[in-house]
Amino acid sequence: MELLYLKYFKSVAETLNYTQAAEDLYISQPALSMTIKKLEKELNTELFIKKGRNIVLTENGKLLLKSVNRIFNEIDRVSEIIQNNTAIREKTVHFASSHTRLMSGIFPEYVKNYPENKYNMEITVNREIIQKLLSHHISFALNSIELTHPKIECKKIIDEDIVLTYPHKFDGLLTSDDLYNNSIYKSFLFLY
């Protein structure tokens, strides 16, 4: 039994009109009639009977139509699954981070869980991340601080502190308190 025969049968069964079905299928009416006759011969049953100038489905025709509808629904579903699978495999995820340290701790696990994706990552400052998110150049970002913008949401995914580290005998022009309270701390926050 050929799929083409079932497609033709389905069209005739839905329209109950050979002329209309032939037009819908872009074939001649005699070719369509001949195909239906071949299908009836193969199944050893009548699928349509004439009632006056019209045709109607026989009981076996109704049974076949139910099966054919399931077959074509499954074919459509398989086609959709394949297309979705292809789209997922070809998907490239664009994202950014404000710090490479975040990438080394979080991202390898994500890649392991979604190996079918391709990834395009860039390291940039937060103000650029905001612009890229709003213009849809990136899908998401990993940051060390929450960004504030009315059109952006932030969700904390890990707890991590950033620690200022310096030697016991600090030789710098600034004291360790200066570093913590002013320069480094504020500069660091500004960069993020």
N, C-alpha and C. Protein backbone atom coordinates (compact mmCIF):
# COMPACT_ATOMS: atom_id res chain seq x y z
N MET A 1 0.85 -1.17 0.00
CA MET A 1 0.00 0.00 0.00
C MET A 1 0.90 1.24 0.00
N GLU A 2 0.71 2.07 -0.97
CA GLU A 2 1.55 3.26 -1.11
C GLU A 2 0.95 4.44 -0.35
N LEU A 3 1.83 5.23 0.21
CA LEU A 3 1.42 6.42 0.94
C LEU A 3 0.67 7.39 0.03
N LEU A 4 1.08 7.46 -1.21
CA LEU A 4 0.41 8.34 -2.17
C LEU A 4 -1.05 7.94 -2.35
N TYR A 5 -1.32 6.63 -2.40
CA TYR A 5 -2.70 6.16 -2.52
C TYR A 5 -3.52 6.62 -1.31
N LEU A 6 -2.91 6.54 -0.15
CA LEU A 6 -3.61 6.95 1.07
C LEU A 6 -3.87 8.46 1.09
N LYS A 7 -2.91 9.21 0.58
CA LYS A 7 -3.09 10.66 0.49
C LYS A 7 -4.26 10.99 -0.43
N TYR A 8 -4.33 10.32 -1.56
CA TYR A 8 -5.42 10.54 -2.51
C TYR A 8 -6.75 10.12 -1.90
N PHE A 9 -6.76 8.96 -1.25
CA PHE A 9 -7.98 8.48 -0.60
C PHE A 9 -8.46 9.51 0.43
N LYS A 10 -7.56 10.01 1.24
CA LYS A 10 -7.90 10.99 2.29
C LYS A 10 -8.56 12.22 1.68
N SER A 11 -8.02 12.70 0.59
CA SER A 11 -8.57 13.89 -0.05
C SER A 11 -9.99 13.65 -0.56
N VAL A 12 -10.20 12.49 -1.20
CA VAL A 12 -11.54 12.16 -1.70
C VAL A 12 -12.49 11.97 -0.52
N ALA A 13 -12.03 11.29 0.53
CA ALA A 13 -12.88 11.02 1.69
C ALA A 13 -13.29 12.31 2.40
N GLU A 14 -12.41 13.29 2.42
CA GLU A 14 -12.72 14.54 3.10
C GLU A 14 -13.63 15.45 2.27
N THR A 15 -13.48 15.42 0.96
CA THR A 15 -14.31 16.28 0.10
C THR A 15 -15.56 15.57 -0.38
N LEU A 16 -15.51 14.23 -0.42
CA LEU A 16 -16.59 13.42 -1.00
C LEU A 16 -16.93 13.91 -2.40
N ASN A 17 -15.87 14.28 -3.12
CA ASN A 17 -16.04 14.81 -4.46
C ASN A 17 -14.74 14.58 -5.23
N TYR A 18 -14.79 13.72 -6.25
CA TYR A 18 -13.59 13.40 -7.03
C TYR A 18 -13.03 14.63 -7.74
N THR A 19 -13.90 15.46 -8.29
CA THR A 19 -13.44 16.64 -9.02
C THR A 19 -12.69 17.59 -8.10
N GLN A 20 -13.29 17.88 -6.95
CA GLN A 20 -12.65 18.78 -5.98
C GLN A 20 -11.34 18.20 -5.47
N ALA A 21 -11.33 16.92 -5.14
CA ALA A 21 -10.11 16.27 -4.64
C ALA A 21 -9.01 16.31 -5.70
N ALA A 22 -9.37 16.05 -6.96
CA ALA A 22 -8.38 16.08 -8.04
C ALA A 22 -7.78 17.48 -8.17
N GLU A 23 -8.61 18.51 -8.08
CA GLU A 23 -8.11 19.89 -8.14
C GLU A 23 -7.18 20.18 -6.96
N ASP A 24 -7.58 19.76 -5.77
CA ASP A 24 -6.76 19.98 -4.57
C ASP A 24 -5.41 19.29 -4.68
N LEU A 25 -5.40 18.13 -5.34
CA LEU A 25 -4.17 17.33 -5.46
C LEU A 25 -3.37 17.67 -6.72
N TYR A 26 -3.91 18.52 -7.56
CA TYR A 26 -3.27 18.90 -8.83
C TYR A 26 -3.02 17.69 -9.74
N ILE A 27 -4.04 16.83 -9.81
CA ILE A 27 -3.97 15.69 -10.74
C ILE A 27 -5.29 15.64 -11.50
N SER A 28 -5.33 14.83 -12.54
CA SER A 28 -6.57 14.71 -13.30
C SER A 28 -7.56 13.82 -12.55
N GLN A 29 -8.84 14.04 -12.82
CA GLN A 29 -9.87 13.23 -12.16
C GLN A 29 -9.75 11.76 -12.56
N PRO A 30 -9.51 11.43 -13.85
CA PRO A 30 -9.36 10.01 -14.21
C PRO A 30 -8.18 9.34 -13.48
N ALA A 31 -7.07 10.07 -13.32
CA ALA A 31 -5.91 9.50 -12.60
C ALA A 31 -6.26 9.24 -11.14
N LEU A 32 -7.01 10.15 -10.54
CA LEU A 32 -7.43 9.98 -9.15
C LEU A 32 -8.37 8.79 -9.02
N SER A 33 -9.35 8.69 -9.92
CA SER A 33 -10.30 7.57 -9.89
C SER A 33 -9.58 6.24 -10.04
N MET A 34 -8.59 6.20 -10.93
CA MET A 34 -7.82 4.98 -11.16
C MET A 34 -7.02 4.59 -9.90
N THR A 35 -6.46 5.57 -9.23
CA THR A 35 -5.70 5.31 -8.01
C THR A 35 -6.60 4.75 -6.91
N ILE A 36 -7.79 5.32 -6.76
CA ILE A 36 -8.73 4.83 -5.75
C ILE A 36 -9.15 3.40 -6.08
N LYS A 37 -9.37 3.10 -7.36
CA LYS A 37 -9.72 1.73 -7.78
C LYS A 37 -8.59 0.76 -7.44
N LYS A 38 -7.33 1.17 -7.65
CA LYS A 38 -6.18 0.33 -7.31
C LYS A 38 -6.14 0.05 -5.81
N LEU A 39 -6.41 1.08 -5.02
CA LEU A 39 -6.42 0.92 -3.56
C LEU A 39 -7.53 -0.03 -3.14
N GLU A 40 -8.72 0.13 -3.73
CA GLU A 40 -9.84 -0.76 -3.41
C GLU A 40 -9.50 -2.21 -3.79
N LYS A 41 -8.84 -2.37 -4.92
CA LYS A 41 -8.46 -3.72 -5.36
C LYS A 41 -7.43 -4.31 -4.39
N GLU A 42 -6.46 -3.50 -4.00
CA GLU A 42 -5.43 -3.97 -3.07
C GLU A 42 -6.03 -4.37 -1.73
N LEU A 43 -7.03 -3.62 -1.26
CA LEU A 43 -7.67 -3.90 0.03
C LEU A 43 -8.83 -4.88 -0.10
N ASN A 44 -9.19 -5.18 -1.34
CA ASN A 44 -10.28 -6.10 -1.63
C ASN A 44 -11.60 -5.65 -0.99
N THR A 45 -11.88 -4.34 -1.11
CA THR A 45 -13.12 -3.78 -0.57
C THR A 45 -13.45 -2.47 -1.26
N GLU A 46 -14.73 -2.13 -1.28
CA GLU A 46 -15.14 -0.81 -1.77
C GLU A 46 -14.95 0.21 -0.65
N LEU A 47 -14.46 1.36 -1.03
CA LEU A 47 -14.25 2.42 -0.04
C LEU A 47 -15.31 3.51 -0.15
N PHE A 48 -15.88 3.67 -1.35
CA PHE A 48 -16.92 4.66 -1.61
C PHE A 48 -18.06 3.98 -2.34
N ILE A 49 -19.27 4.48 -2.10
CA ILE A 49 -20.42 4.05 -2.92
C ILE A 49 -21.13 5.30 -3.40
N LYS A 50 -21.78 5.16 -4.55
CA LYS A 50 -22.51 6.30 -5.11
C LYS A 50 -23.92 6.32 -4.53
N LYS A 51 -24.34 7.52 -4.16
CA LYS A 51 -25.72 7.75 -3.74
C LYS A 51 -26.23 8.91 -4.58
N GLY A 52 -26.91 8.57 -5.64
CA GLY A 52 -27.35 9.59 -6.59
C GLY A 52 -26.14 10.17 -7.29
N ARG A 53 -26.00 11.48 -7.22
CA ARG A 53 -24.85 12.14 -7.86
C ARG A 53 -23.67 12.29 -6.91
N ASN A 54 -23.85 11.86 -5.68
CA ASN A 54 -22.81 12.01 -4.65
C ASN A 54 -22.15 10.67 -4.33
N ILE A 55 -21.02 10.76 -3.60
CA ILE A 55 -20.39 9.55 -3.09
C ILE A 55 -20.35 9.63 -1.57
N VAL A 56 -20.37 8.47 -0.92
CA VAL A 56 -20.24 8.40 0.53
C VAL A 56 -19.25 7.29 0.87
N LEU A 57 -18.69 7.38 2.03
CA LEU A 57 -17.77 6.35 2.50
C LEU A 57 -18.53 5.11 2.93
N THR A 58 -17.99 3.96 2.60
CA THR A 58 -18.52 2.70 3.12
C THR A 58 -18.02 2.56 4.56
N GLU A 59 -18.50 1.54 5.27
CA GLU A 59 -18.00 1.30 6.63
C GLU A 59 -16.50 1.06 6.62
N ASN A 60 -16.02 0.26 5.65
CA ASN A 60 -14.57 0.04 5.54
C ASN A 60 -13.84 1.32 5.17
N GLY A 61 -14.48 2.16 4.36
CA GLY A 61 -13.90 3.45 4.01
C GLY A 61 -13.74 4.33 5.25
N LYS A 62 -14.75 4.31 6.13
CA LYS A 62 -14.68 5.09 7.37
C LYS A 62 -13.55 4.58 8.27
N LEU A 63 -13.42 3.25 8.35
CA LEU A 63 -12.33 2.67 9.15
C LEU A 63 -10.97 3.06 8.59
N LEU A 64 -10.86 2.98 7.25
CA LEU A 64 -9.59 3.35 6.62
C LEU A 64 -9.28 4.82 6.85
N LEU A 65 -10.28 5.69 6.76
CA LEU A 65 -10.05 7.12 6.96
C LEU A 65 -9.52 7.40 8.36
N LYS A 66 -10.08 6.73 9.38
CA LYS A 66 -9.57 6.91 10.74
C LYS A 66 -8.10 6.52 10.83
N SER A 67 -7.77 5.39 10.23
CA SER A 67 -6.37 4.92 10.24
C SER A 67 -5.46 5.86 9.46
N VAL A 68 -5.93 6.30 8.31
CA VAL A 68 -5.13 7.20 7.47
C VAL A 68 -4.89 8.53 8.20
N ASN A 69 -5.90 9.03 8.88
CA ASN A 69 -5.72 10.27 9.65
C ASN A 69 -4.66 10.09 10.73
N ARG A 70 -4.69 8.95 11.42
CA ARG A 70 -3.66 8.67 12.43
C ARG A 70 -2.27 8.59 11.80
N ILE A 71 -2.20 7.92 10.64
CA ILE A 71 -0.91 7.78 9.94
C ILE A 71 -0.35 9.15 9.57
N PHE A 72 -1.19 10.00 8.97
CA PHE A 72 -0.70 11.32 8.55
C PHE A 72 -0.41 12.23 9.74
N ASN A 73 -1.17 12.08 10.82
CA ASN A 73 -0.86 12.84 12.03
C ASN A 73 0.50 12.42 12.58
N GLU A 74 0.78 11.12 12.55
CA GLU A 74 2.07 10.63 13.03
C GLU A 74 3.20 11.10 12.12
N ILE A 75 2.96 11.10 10.82
CA ILE A 75 3.98 11.60 9.87
C ILE A 75 4.26 13.07 10.14
N ASP A 76 3.21 13.86 10.36
CA ASP A 76 3.40 15.28 10.69
C ASP A 76 4.18 15.44 11.99
N ARG A 77 3.85 14.60 12.98
CA ARG A 77 4.53 14.67 14.27
C ARG A 77 6.01 14.32 14.14
N VAL A 78 6.30 13.28 13.37
CA VAL A 78 7.70 12.88 13.15
C VAL A 78 8.46 13.99 12.43
N SER A 79 7.82 14.58 11.45
CA SER A 79 8.45 15.68 10.72
C SER A 79 8.76 16.84 11.66
N GLU A 80 7.82 17.16 12.53
CA GLU A 80 8.01 18.24 13.49
C GLU A 80 9.14 17.91 14.47
N ILE A 81 9.18 16.66 14.93
CA ILE A 81 10.24 16.24 15.86
C ILE A 81 11.61 16.40 15.20
N ILE A 82 11.72 15.97 13.95
CA ILE A 82 13.00 16.06 13.23
C ILE A 82 13.39 17.52 13.05
N GLN A 83 12.43 18.36 12.66
CA GLN A 83 12.73 19.78 12.47
C GLN A 83 13.16 20.43 13.77
N ASN A 84 12.46 20.11 14.86
CA ASN A 84 12.82 20.67 16.17
C ASN A 84 14.20 20.19 16.60
N ASN A 85 14.47 18.93 16.37
CA ASN A 85 15.78 18.37 16.74
C ASN A 85 16.89 19.06 15.94
N THR A 86 16.65 19.28 14.67
CA THR A 86 17.63 19.96 13.83
C THR A 86 17.84 21.39 14.31
N ALA A 87 16.74 22.06 14.63
CA ALA A 87 16.83 23.45 15.11
C ALA A 87 17.60 23.51 16.42
N ILE A 88 17.38 22.55 17.30
CA ILE A 88 18.09 22.54 18.58
C ILE A 88 19.57 22.31 18.34
N ARG A 89 19.90 21.35 17.46
CA ARG A 89 21.30 21.06 17.19
C ARG A 89 22.01 22.24 16.57
N GLU A 90 21.29 23.01 15.77
CA GLU A 90 21.91 24.14 15.09
C GLU A 90 21.84 25.42 15.91
N LYS A 91 21.28 25.33 17.09
CA LYS A 91 21.08 26.50 17.92
C LYS A 91 22.40 27.02 18.47
N THR A 92 22.61 28.30 18.33
CA THR A 92 23.77 28.95 18.91
C THR A 92 23.28 29.87 20.02
N VAL A 93 23.81 29.69 21.19
CA VAL A 93 23.44 30.50 22.34
C VAL A 93 24.47 31.61 22.48
N HIS A 94 24.00 32.85 22.41
CA HIS A 94 24.87 34.02 22.56
C HIS A 94 24.69 34.57 23.97
N PHE A 95 25.79 34.74 24.67
CA PHE A 95 25.70 35.26 26.03
C PHE A 95 26.98 36.02 26.37
N ALA A 96 26.92 36.69 27.52
CA ALA A 96 28.08 37.48 27.95
C ALA A 96 28.28 37.28 29.44
N SER A 97 29.44 37.69 29.88
CA SER A 97 29.76 37.65 31.30
C SER A 97 30.61 38.87 31.64
N SER A 98 30.48 39.27 32.88
CA SER A 98 31.29 40.40 33.33
C SER A 98 32.64 39.93 33.86
N HIS A 99 32.83 38.62 33.95
CA HIS A 99 34.08 38.13 34.52
C HIS A 99 34.33 36.69 34.08
N THR A 100 35.55 36.40 33.68
CA THR A 100 35.89 35.04 33.24
C THR A 100 35.77 34.03 34.37
N ARG A 101 35.97 34.47 35.60
CA ARG A 101 35.88 33.58 36.75
C ARG A 101 34.50 32.92 36.83
N LEU A 102 33.47 33.66 36.48
CA LEU A 102 32.12 33.11 36.51
C LEU A 102 31.96 31.99 35.48
N MET A 103 32.63 32.15 34.37
CA MET A 103 32.52 31.15 33.31
C MET A 103 33.18 29.84 33.72
N SER A 104 34.31 29.93 34.38
CA SER A 104 35.03 28.70 34.71
C SER A 104 34.30 27.87 35.75
N GLY A 105 33.52 28.50 36.60
CA GLY A 105 32.83 27.76 37.65
C GLY A 105 31.45 27.27 37.27
N ILE A 106 30.76 27.96 36.41
CA ILE A 106 29.36 27.65 36.12
C ILE A 106 29.18 27.04 34.75
N PHE A 107 29.80 27.62 33.78
CA PHE A 107 29.47 27.29 32.39
C PHE A 107 29.83 25.87 31.96
N PRO A 108 30.93 25.29 32.38
CA PRO A 108 31.23 23.92 31.93
C PRO A 108 30.11 22.93 32.24
N GLU A 109 29.46 23.09 33.38
CA GLU A 109 28.35 22.19 33.74
C GLU A 109 27.17 22.39 32.78
N TYR A 110 26.90 23.64 32.43
CA TYR A 110 25.82 23.94 31.49
C TYR A 110 26.11 23.31 30.13
N VAL A 111 27.31 23.45 29.65
CA VAL A 111 27.70 22.87 28.36
C VAL A 111 27.56 21.36 28.39
N LYS A 112 27.93 20.77 29.51
CA LYS A 112 27.82 19.32 29.65
C LYS A 112 26.35 18.88 29.55
N ASN A 113 25.45 19.67 30.12
CA ASN A 113 24.03 19.33 30.10
C ASN A 113 23.36 19.61 28.76
N TYR A 114 23.92 20.50 27.95
CA TYR A 114 23.34 20.86 26.66
C TYR A 114 24.41 20.80 25.57
N PRO A 115 24.93 19.62 25.29
CA PRO A 115 26.04 19.52 24.32
C PRO A 115 25.62 19.79 22.88
N GLU A 116 24.32 19.75 22.61
CA GLU A 116 23.86 19.95 21.23
C GLU A 116 23.92 21.42 20.80
N ASN A 117 24.06 22.32 21.75
CA ASN A 117 24.11 23.74 21.43
C ASN A 117 25.52 24.18 21.06
N LYS A 118 25.58 25.25 20.30
CA LYS A 118 26.84 25.95 20.06
C LYS A 118 26.80 27.21 20.91
N TYR A 119 27.95 27.69 21.33
CA TYR A 119 27.99 28.82 22.25
C TYR A 119 28.90 29.92 21.73
N ASN A 120 28.42 31.15 21.90
CA ASN A 120 29.21 32.32 21.54
C ASN A 120 29.24 33.22 22.78
N MET A 121 30.39 33.28 23.45
CA MET A 121 30.51 34.01 24.69
C MET A 121 31.44 35.21 24.53
N GLU A 122 31.10 36.29 25.23
CA GLU A 122 32.01 37.43 25.27
C GLU A 122 32.09 37.96 26.69
N ILE A 123 33.25 38.46 27.03
CA ILE A 123 33.46 39.09 28.33
C ILE A 123 33.39 40.60 28.10
N THR A 124 32.54 41.26 28.87
CA THR A 124 32.36 42.70 28.68
C THR A 124 31.89 43.33 29.99
N VAL A 125 31.78 44.64 30.01
CA VAL A 125 31.34 45.35 31.21
C VAL A 125 29.82 45.37 31.27
N ASN A 126 29.30 45.63 32.47
CA ASN A 126 27.87 45.53 32.69
C ASN A 126 27.03 46.47 31.83
N ARG A 127 27.49 47.70 31.62
CA ARG A 127 26.66 48.62 30.82
C ARG A 127 26.50 48.09 29.40
N GLU A 128 27.54 47.44 28.86
CA GLU A 128 27.42 46.83 27.53
C GLU A 128 26.52 45.60 27.58
N ILE A 129 26.59 44.87 28.66
CA ILE A 129 25.71 43.70 28.82
C ILE A 129 24.26 44.14 28.77
N ILE A 130 23.95 45.22 29.48
CA ILE A 130 22.57 45.73 29.48
C ILE A 130 22.15 46.08 28.05
N GLN A 131 23.00 46.79 27.33
CA GLN A 131 22.67 47.17 25.94
C GLN A 131 22.46 45.93 25.07
N LYS A 132 23.33 44.95 25.21
CA LYS A 132 23.24 43.74 24.38
C LYS A 132 22.00 42.91 24.72
N LEU A 133 21.63 42.87 26.00
CA LEU A 133 20.40 42.17 26.38
C LEU A 133 19.18 42.85 25.78
N LEU A 134 19.14 44.18 25.89
CA LEU A 134 17.98 44.93 25.39
C LEU A 134 17.86 44.87 23.87
N SER A 135 18.98 44.77 23.19
CA SER A 135 18.95 44.70 21.72
C SER A 135 18.92 43.25 21.22
N HIS A 136 18.83 42.30 22.15
CA HIS A 136 18.74 40.86 21.83
C HIS A 136 19.97 40.33 21.09
N HIS A 137 21.12 40.94 21.31
CA HIS A 137 22.37 40.41 20.76
C HIS A 137 22.87 39.24 21.59
N ILE A 138 22.44 39.18 22.85
CA ILE A 138 22.75 38.04 23.71
C ILE A 138 21.46 37.56 24.36
N SER A 139 21.44 36.28 24.73
CA SER A 139 20.25 35.71 25.37
C SER A 139 20.26 35.89 26.88
N PHE A 140 21.44 35.83 27.45
CA PHE A 140 21.57 35.99 28.90
C PHE A 140 23.00 36.42 29.22
N ALA A 141 23.20 36.74 30.51
CA ALA A 141 24.54 37.11 30.97
C ALA A 141 24.76 36.55 32.37
N LEU A 142 25.99 36.29 32.68
CA LEU A 142 26.39 35.89 34.03
C LEU A 142 27.21 37.04 34.61
N ASN A 143 26.74 37.56 35.74
CA ASN A 143 27.38 38.72 36.34
C ASN A 143 27.71 38.44 37.79
N SER A 144 28.63 39.23 38.32
CA SER A 144 28.98 39.09 39.73
C SER A 144 28.09 39.95 40.62
N ILE A 145 27.40 40.91 40.06
CA ILE A 145 26.43 41.71 40.82
C ILE A 145 25.14 41.78 40.01
N GLU A 146 24.05 42.10 40.71
CA GLU A 146 22.77 42.24 40.01
C GLU A 146 22.75 43.56 39.25
N LEU A 147 22.30 43.49 38.01
CA LEU A 147 22.17 44.70 37.20
C LEU A 147 20.81 45.31 37.47
N THR A 148 20.75 46.62 37.43
CA THR A 148 19.50 47.32 37.69
C THR A 148 19.03 47.99 36.42
N HIS A 149 17.90 47.51 35.92
CA HIS A 149 17.27 48.11 34.75
C HIS A 149 15.82 47.62 34.73
N PRO A 150 14.86 48.50 34.39
CA PRO A 150 13.46 48.09 34.44
C PRO A 150 13.09 46.96 33.47
N LYS A 151 13.87 46.76 32.44
CA LYS A 151 13.54 45.73 31.46
C LYS A 151 14.42 44.48 31.58
N ILE A 152 15.13 44.38 32.69
CA ILE A 152 16.03 43.25 32.90
C ILE A 152 15.73 42.61 34.25
N GLU A 153 15.73 41.29 34.28
CA GLU A 153 15.57 40.57 35.53
C GLU A 153 16.89 39.90 35.89
N CYS A 154 17.15 39.84 37.17
CA CYS A 154 18.35 39.15 37.66
C CYS A 154 17.92 38.11 38.68
N LYS A 155 18.54 36.95 38.61
CA LYS A 155 18.30 35.89 39.59
C LYS A 155 19.65 35.40 40.07
N LYS A 156 19.80 35.35 41.37
CA LYS A 156 21.05 34.89 41.95
C LYS A 156 21.11 33.37 41.80
N ILE A 157 22.21 32.88 41.23
CA ILE A 157 22.32 31.44 41.01
C ILE A 157 23.40 30.79 41.89
N ILE A 158 24.34 31.58 42.40
CA ILE A 158 25.33 31.06 43.34
C ILE A 158 25.68 32.15 44.34
N ASP A 159 26.11 31.74 45.52
CA ASP A 159 26.62 32.68 46.51
C ASP A 159 28.13 32.67 46.42
N GLU A 160 28.68 33.82 46.18
CA GLU A 160 30.13 33.90 46.07
C GLU A 160 30.59 35.28 46.50
N ASP A 161 31.57 35.32 47.35
CA ASP A 161 32.14 36.59 47.79
C ASP A 161 33.41 36.87 47.00
N ILE A 162 33.67 38.13 46.81
CA ILE A 162 34.93 38.55 46.20
C ILE A 162 35.77 39.11 47.34
N VAL A 163 36.96 38.61 47.47
CA VAL A 163 37.79 38.95 48.61
C VAL A 163 38.98 39.78 48.15
N LEU A 164 39.19 40.88 48.84
CA LEU A 164 40.38 41.69 48.61
C LEU A 164 41.54 41.00 49.32
N THR A 165 42.60 40.72 48.60
CA THR A 165 43.74 39.99 49.16
C THR A 165 44.99 40.85 49.03
N TYR A 166 45.76 40.94 50.10
CA TYR A 166 46.97 41.76 50.09
C TYR A 166 47.91 41.20 51.16
N PRO A 167 49.22 41.54 51.10
CA PRO A 167 50.18 41.01 52.09
C PRO A 167 50.01 41.68 53.44
N HIS A 168 50.49 41.00 54.51
CA HIS A 168 50.40 41.57 55.87
C HIS A 168 51.05 42.94 55.95
N LYS A 169 52.21 43.05 55.35
CA LYS A 169 52.90 44.35 55.35
C LYS A 169 52.64 44.99 53.99
N PHE A 170 51.61 45.80 53.96
CA PHE A 170 51.18 46.42 52.71
C PHE A 170 52.06 47.63 52.41
N ASP A 171 52.72 47.64 51.23
CA ASP A 171 53.67 48.70 50.88
C ASP A 171 53.04 49.80 50.01
N GLY A 172 51.80 49.69 49.71
CA GLY A 172 51.20 50.58 48.74
C GLY A 172 51.08 52.01 49.22
N LEU A 173 50.69 52.87 48.31
CA LEU A 173 50.47 54.27 48.64
C LEU A 173 49.23 54.43 49.50
N LEU A 174 48.32 53.44 49.41
CA LEU A 174 47.09 53.48 50.19
C LEU A 174 47.15 52.41 51.28
N THR A 175 46.42 52.62 52.33
CA THR A 175 46.32 51.59 53.37
C THR A 175 45.33 50.52 52.92
N SER A 176 45.31 49.41 53.61
CA SER A 176 44.34 48.37 53.26
C SER A 176 42.92 48.87 53.45
N ASP A 177 42.71 49.73 54.46
CA ASP A 177 41.38 50.32 54.66
C ASP A 177 41.00 51.21 53.49
N ASP A 178 41.97 51.96 52.98
CA ASP A 178 41.70 52.79 51.81
C ASP A 178 41.29 51.92 50.62
N LEU A 179 42.00 50.83 50.46
CA LEU A 179 41.67 49.92 49.35
C LEU A 179 40.26 49.38 49.50
N TYR A 180 39.95 48.94 50.70
CA TYR A 180 38.64 48.33 50.92
C TYR A 180 37.52 49.35 50.84
N ASN A 181 37.68 50.45 51.52
CA ASN A 181 36.59 51.42 51.63
C ASN A 181 36.44 52.34 50.43
N ASN A 182 37.47 52.52 49.67
CA ASN A 182 37.39 53.51 48.61
C ASN A 182 37.77 52.95 47.24
N SER A 183 39.02 53.05 46.97
CA SER A 183 39.52 52.85 45.61
C SER A 183 39.16 51.52 44.96
N ILE A 184 39.72 50.45 45.47
CA ILE A 184 39.57 49.16 44.80
C ILE A 184 38.13 48.70 44.82
N TYR A 185 37.52 48.76 45.98
CA TYR A 185 36.16 48.28 46.13
C TYR A 185 35.21 49.01 45.18
N LYS A 186 35.29 50.34 45.18
CA LYS A 186 34.40 51.12 44.31
C LYS A 186 34.75 50.91 42.84
N SER A 187 36.03 50.83 42.54
CA SER A 187 36.43 50.59 41.15
C SER A 187 35.93 49.24 40.68
N PHE A 188 36.05 48.27 41.58
CA PHE A 188 35.60 46.92 41.22
C PHE A 188 34.10 46.92 40.94
N LEU A 189 33.34 47.55 41.81
CA LEU A 189 31.90 47.60 41.60
C LEU A 189 31.55 48.37 40.34
N PHE A 190 32.30 49.43 40.07
CA PHE A 190 32.03 50.21 38.87
C PHE A 190 32.28 49.38 37.62
N LEU A 191 33.33 48.59 37.64
CA LEU A 191 33.64 47.76 36.47
C LEU A 191 32.58 46.69 36.25
N TYR A 192 31.96 46.23 37.29
CA TYR A 192 30.95 45.20 37.15
C TYR A 192 29.60 45.84 36.98
